Amino acid sequence: MTGAGGAAEQTHPGDAVLDLRDVHRTHGQGEAAVHALRGVTLTVGPGELVAVMGPSGSGKSTLLALAGGLDAPTAGEVRVEGQPLGALDRRALARLRRRRIGYVFQNLNLLGSLTAAENVALPLELDGLGVRHARRAAQAALVEVGLAELGERFPDQMSGGQQQRVAIARALVGQRRLVLADEPTGALDSQTGEAVLRLLRRRVDAGAAAVLVTHESRHAAWADRVVFLRDGVMVDSTAPLGGVEQLLAGSGR
């Protein structure tokens, strides 16, 4: 498969966790129409972390929303593990998101009436897992993001960076095969941000696929591939910025 910039994709569609095929997304009609995405084709396989970069308004968050089934393309097709999202009814789509897709929202979307552990456990409980098992998995995910002691705190009792890590734990909990992260380190200091990226990298190396939207080239350097969007068009696809192998050399991965 070849991206719009002419760079060959290494993943075969049949092996893809995420497959976007000539995807368009237009908001509005006529002269007021806004073309958020224009013919984007992107395949992400298991064990692959793809960073998406581009200026504000280039379509990065729209791409993630389509990949996660939170929005539908105007034209083209989105598949997750071979399943066309457009063929699913609302209930089936919600089930797929709970079980297979972890999403770190830019605005976090934590529920203020739930503790950190309850927020993380919620998708597991909604999918039918017993409360005790769900809370145990949630606590393990909080340990992974360095919040072992904060499980009983509510979002308004935590700093912005702590809230961000709760949102990341919620995205990683369970057996998610696709992790979509929209600026997941935005509220974190550099040391904590690198720890979060190391967690994301570890999940990918265990066989998941991930798409990371970022403005930071040092964060994109953790990816296997970087794609660039401009005005809704994928203009280039490259090897990781700076070389992820060098970045990880001293991380203990």
Protein backbone atom coordinates (compact mmCIF):
# COMPACT_ATOMS: atom_id res chain seq x y z
CA MET A 1 0.00 0.00 0.00
CA THR A 2 1.24 3.52 -0.73
CA GLY A 3 0.48 6.68 1.19
CA ALA A 4 -0.43 9.96 -0.44
CA GLY A 5 3.17 11.07 -0.22
CA GLY A 6 4.35 8.00 -2.16
CA ALA A 7 5.91 6.21 0.83
CA ALA A 8 5.33 2.47 0.81
CA GLU A 9 3.52 0.97 3.81
CA GLN A 10 5.13 -2.15 5.23
CA THR A 11 1.96 -3.70 6.67
CA HIS A 12 -0.33 -5.83 4.53
CA PRO A 13 -4.03 -4.96 4.94
CA GLY A 14 -4.86 -8.53 5.91
CA ASP A 15 -2.56 -8.21 8.93
CA ALA A 16 -3.72 -4.75 9.92
CA VAL A 17 -5.17 -3.81 13.28
CA LEU A 18 -6.22 -0.46 11.78
CA ASP A 19 -6.88 0.13 8.09
CA LEU A 20 -8.13 3.43 6.65
CA ARG A 21 -8.88 3.24 2.93
CA ASP A 22 -9.25 6.47 0.95
CA VAL A 23 -11.03 8.13 3.86
CA HIS A 24 -12.72 11.52 3.48
CA ARG A 25 -14.49 13.53 6.17
CA THR A 26 -16.42 16.66 5.25
CA HIS A 27 -18.37 18.83 7.68
CA GLY A 28 -21.16 20.96 6.25
CA GLN A 29 -22.19 21.43 2.63
CA GLY A 30 -21.66 23.75 -0.30
CA GLU A 31 -19.51 26.82 0.22
CA ALA A 32 -19.54 26.26 3.98
CA ALA A 33 -18.10 22.74 3.67
CA VAL A 34 -14.94 21.99 5.65
CA HIS A 35 -12.84 19.10 4.31
CA ALA A 36 -11.24 17.72 7.46
CA LEU A 37 -9.73 14.68 5.70
CA ARG A 38 -9.16 14.16 1.99
CA GLY A 39 -8.44 10.64 0.76
CA VAL A 40 -6.30 9.41 3.66
CA THR A 41 -5.02 5.84 3.44
CA LEU A 42 -3.20 4.43 6.45
CA THR A 43 -2.50 0.90 7.66
CA VAL A 44 -1.17 0.11 11.14
CA GLY A 45 -0.18 -3.43 12.03
CA PRO A 46 0.37 -5.27 15.31
CA GLY A 47 3.57 -4.21 17.02
CA GLU A 48 3.57 -0.84 15.26
CA LEU A 49 3.39 2.65 16.75
CA VAL A 50 2.59 5.38 14.23
CA ALA A 51 2.93 9.06 15.14
CA VAL A 52 0.74 11.59 13.35
CA MET A 53 2.04 15.14 13.07
CA GLY A 54 0.86 18.30 11.37
CA PRO A 55 -0.23 21.87 12.08
CA SER A 56 -3.40 22.69 14.01
CA GLY A 57 -6.46 22.04 11.85
CA SER A 58 -4.68 19.52 9.63
CA GLY A 59 -7.07 16.67 10.52
CA LYS A 60 -5.12 14.78 13.18
CA SER A 61 -7.90 14.56 15.77
CA THR A 62 -10.45 13.81 13.03
CA LEU A 63 -8.32 10.87 11.93
CA LEU A 64 -8.28 9.49 15.49
CA ALA A 65 -12.04 9.95 15.90
CA LEU A 66 -12.66 7.96 12.71
CA ALA A 67 -10.17 5.26 13.70
CA GLY A 68 -11.91 4.87 17.06
CA GLY A 69 -15.42 4.73 15.64
CA LEU A 70 -16.40 8.00 17.32
CA ASP A 71 -17.18 9.53 13.94
CA ALA A 72 -17.97 8.10 10.50
CA PRO A 73 -16.23 8.98 7.22
CA THR A 74 -18.07 10.85 4.50
CA ALA A 75 -16.45 8.45 2.03
CA GLY A 76 -13.98 5.59 2.25
CA GLU A 77 -13.73 2.78 4.79
CA VAL A 78 -12.31 2.26 8.27
CA ARG A 79 -11.53 -1.27 9.49
CA VAL A 80 -10.36 -2.46 12.90
CA GLU A 81 -8.95 -6.00 12.88
CA GLY A 82 -10.62 -6.52 9.52
CA GLN A 83 -14.06 -5.39 10.72
CA PRO A 84 -15.58 -2.51 8.69
CA LEU A 85 -16.81 -0.03 11.29
CA GLY A 86 -19.50 1.23 8.92
CA ALA A 87 -21.14 -2.21 8.96
CA LEU A 88 -21.69 -2.18 12.73
CA ASP A 89 -24.81 -0.92 14.49
CA ARG A 90 -24.43 1.37 17.50
CA ARG A 91 -24.44 -1.47 20.04
CA ALA A 92 -21.84 -3.54 18.18
CA LEU A 93 -19.65 -0.47 17.64
CA ALA A 94 -19.80 0.40 21.36
CA ARG A 95 -18.86 -3.19 22.23
CA LEU A 96 -15.88 -3.09 19.85
CA ARG A 97 -14.67 0.18 21.39
CA ARG A 98 -14.95 -1.20 24.94
CA ARG A 99 -13.10 -4.40 24.15
CA ARG A 100 -10.56 -3.58 21.47
CA ILE A 101 -9.89 0.17 21.33
CA GLY A 102 -8.24 2.29 24.00
CA TYR A 103 -8.64 6.03 23.50
CA VAL A 104 -6.78 8.83 25.29
CA PHE A 105 -8.84 11.96 24.67
CA GLN A 106 -7.25 15.38 24.53
CA ASN A 107 -9.80 16.62 27.08
CA LEU A 108 -9.44 13.37 29.10
CA ASN A 109 -13.22 12.67 29.49
CA LEU A 110 -12.93 11.42 33.06
CA LEU A 111 -16.17 11.13 35.03
CA GLY A 112 -15.99 13.47 38.02
CA SER A 113 -18.34 11.35 40.12
CA LEU A 114 -16.08 8.28 39.90
CA THR A 115 -12.74 7.64 41.60
CA ALA A 116 -9.61 7.04 39.55
CA ALA A 117 -9.97 3.27 39.94
CA GLU A 118 -13.67 3.42 39.02
CA ASN A 119 -12.91 5.49 35.90
CA VAL A 120 -10.31 2.97 34.76
CA ALA A 121 -12.52 -0.04 35.56
CA LEU A 122 -15.62 1.39 33.88
CA PRO A 123 -15.12 -0.01 30.33
CA LEU A 124 -14.45 -3.47 31.77
CA GLU A 125 -17.55 -3.34 33.96
CA LEU A 126 -19.69 -2.08 31.06
CA ASP A 127 -18.49 -5.10 29.10
CA GLY A 128 -19.73 -7.47 31.80
CA LEU A 129 -16.60 -8.15 33.86
CA GLY A 130 -17.35 -8.52 37.56
CA VAL A 131 -16.64 -5.51 39.75
CA ARG A 132 -13.91 -7.24 41.77
CA HIS A 133 -11.98 -8.39 38.69
CA ALA A 134 -12.46 -5.05 36.94
CA ARG A 135 -11.16 -3.11 39.95
CA ARG A 136 -8.17 -5.43 40.26
CA ALA A 137 -7.29 -4.82 36.59
CA ALA A 138 -7.81 -1.08 37.09
CA GLN A 139 -5.48 -1.01 40.08
CA ALA A 140 -2.79 -2.83 38.06
CA ALA A 141 -3.17 -0.26 35.28
CA LEU A 142 -2.84 2.59 37.80
CA VAL A 143 0.34 0.99 39.14
CA GLU A 144 1.70 0.97 35.58
CA VAL A 145 1.22 4.72 35.25
CA GLY A 146 2.66 5.48 38.69
CA LEU A 147 -0.61 6.17 40.53
CA ALA A 148 -0.76 3.14 42.82
CA GLU A 149 -1.80 5.24 45.85
CA LEU A 150 -4.42 7.41 44.14
CA GLY A 151 -7.06 4.88 43.14
CA GLU A 152 -9.65 6.22 45.60
CA ARG A 153 -9.23 9.89 44.67
CA PHE A 154 -11.71 11.73 42.49
CA PRO A 155 -10.53 13.69 39.45
CA ASP A 156 -10.95 17.07 41.18
CA GLN A 157 -8.61 15.84 43.92
CA MET A 158 -5.79 15.23 41.44
CA SER A 159 -3.48 17.45 39.42
CA GLY A 160 -3.89 17.78 35.66
CA GLY A 161 -0.94 15.45 35.10
CA GLN A 162 -2.38 12.84 37.44
CA GLN A 163 -5.73 13.04 35.66
CA GLN A 164 -3.95 12.54 32.36
CA ARG A 165 -2.28 9.39 33.66
CA VAL A 166 -5.66 8.05 34.84
CA ALA A 167 -6.98 8.56 31.29
CA ILE A 168 -3.96 6.69 29.92
CA ALA A 169 -4.50 3.82 32.39
CA ARG A 170 -8.13 3.59 31.23
CA ALA A 171 -6.97 3.34 27.61
CA LEU A 172 -4.46 0.59 28.39
CA VAL A 173 -6.54 -1.55 30.75
CA GLY A 174 -7.74 -4.93 29.48
CA GLN A 175 -6.88 -6.50 26.15
CA ARG A 176 -7.07 -3.48 23.86
CA ARG A 177 -5.48 -4.20 20.49
CA LEU A 178 -5.62 -0.62 19.23
CA VAL A 179 -4.56 2.39 21.32
CA LEU A 180 -5.35 5.88 20.02
CA ALA A 181 -3.72 8.75 21.88
CA ASP A 182 -4.43 12.43 21.21
CA GLU A 183 -1.56 14.44 22.74
CA PRO A 184 -1.36 12.07 25.74
CA THR A 185 1.58 13.85 27.36
CA GLY A 186 0.23 17.40 27.03
CA ALA A 187 -0.24 18.00 30.78
CA LEU A 188 2.81 16.04 31.91
CA ASP A 189 6.36 17.08 32.75
CA SER A 190 9.07 15.68 30.50
CA GLN A 191 10.07 12.85 32.85
CA THR A 192 6.50 11.64 33.39
CA GLY A 193 5.76 12.09 29.68
CA GLU A 194 8.63 9.80 28.76
CA ALA A 195 7.43 7.22 31.29
CA VAL A 196 3.98 7.28 29.64
CA LEU A 197 5.49 6.90 26.18
CA ARG A 198 7.56 3.99 27.45
CA LEU A 199 4.32 2.33 28.65
CA LEU A 200 2.72 2.89 25.25
CA ARG A 201 5.80 1.48 23.54
CA ARG A 202 5.72 -1.57 25.82
CA ARG A 203 2.07 -2.27 24.94
CA VAL A 204 2.89 -1.99 21.24
CA ASP A 205 5.90 -4.29 21.58
CA ALA A 206 3.56 -6.84 23.18
CA GLY A 207 1.51 -6.90 19.96
CA ALA A 208 -0.91 -3.97 20.03
CA ALA A 209 -1.08 -1.23 17.42
CA ALA A 210 -1.07 2.44 18.38
CA VAL A 211 -1.56 5.84 16.78
CA LEU A 212 -0.11 8.82 18.60
CA VAL A 213 -1.05 12.40 17.69
CA THR A 214 1.67 14.77 18.79
CA HIS A 215 3.23 18.17 18.06
CA GLU A 216 6.52 17.11 19.65
CA SER A 217 9.25 15.58 17.47
CA ARG A 218 10.89 14.07 20.58
CA HIS A 219 7.66 12.16 21.26
CA ALA A 220 7.29 11.14 17.62
CA ALA A 221 10.79 9.64 17.88
CA TRP A 222 9.29 6.79 19.92
CA ALA A 223 7.27 5.70 16.88
CA ASP A 224 8.13 3.18 14.18
CA ARG A 225 6.77 5.54 11.54
CA VAL A 226 5.70 9.16 11.36
CA VAL A 227 2.98 10.42 9.02
CA PHE A 228 2.36 14.08 8.28
CA LEU A 229 -1.01 15.69 7.62
CA ARG A 230 -1.61 19.07 6.04
CA ASP A 231 -5.07 20.41 5.15
CA GLY A 232 -6.54 16.93 5.57
CA VAL A 233 -4.07 15.26 3.20
CA MET A 234 -1.32 12.83 4.14
CA VAL A 235 1.70 14.50 2.60
CA ASP A 236 4.50 12.25 3.80
CA SER A 237 5.37 9.09 5.71
CA THR A 238 8.86 8.58 7.11
CA ALA A 239 11.02 6.52 9.41
CA PRO A 240 10.98 7.66 13.05
CA LEU A 241 12.43 11.06 13.80
CA GLY A 242 15.84 10.77 15.40
CA GLY A 243 15.77 6.96 15.55
CA VAL A 244 13.69 5.24 18.21
CA GLU A 245 16.47 2.69 18.80
CA GLN A 246 18.85 5.41 20.01
CA LEU A 247 16.15 6.98 22.18
CA LEU A 248 15.36 3.68 23.86
CA ALA A 249 18.98 2.57 24.31
CA GLY A 250 19.09 3.70 27.91
CA SER A 251 15.45 3.22 28.86
CA GLY A 252 15.70 -0.37 30.06
CA ARG A 253 13.14 -1.60 27.49
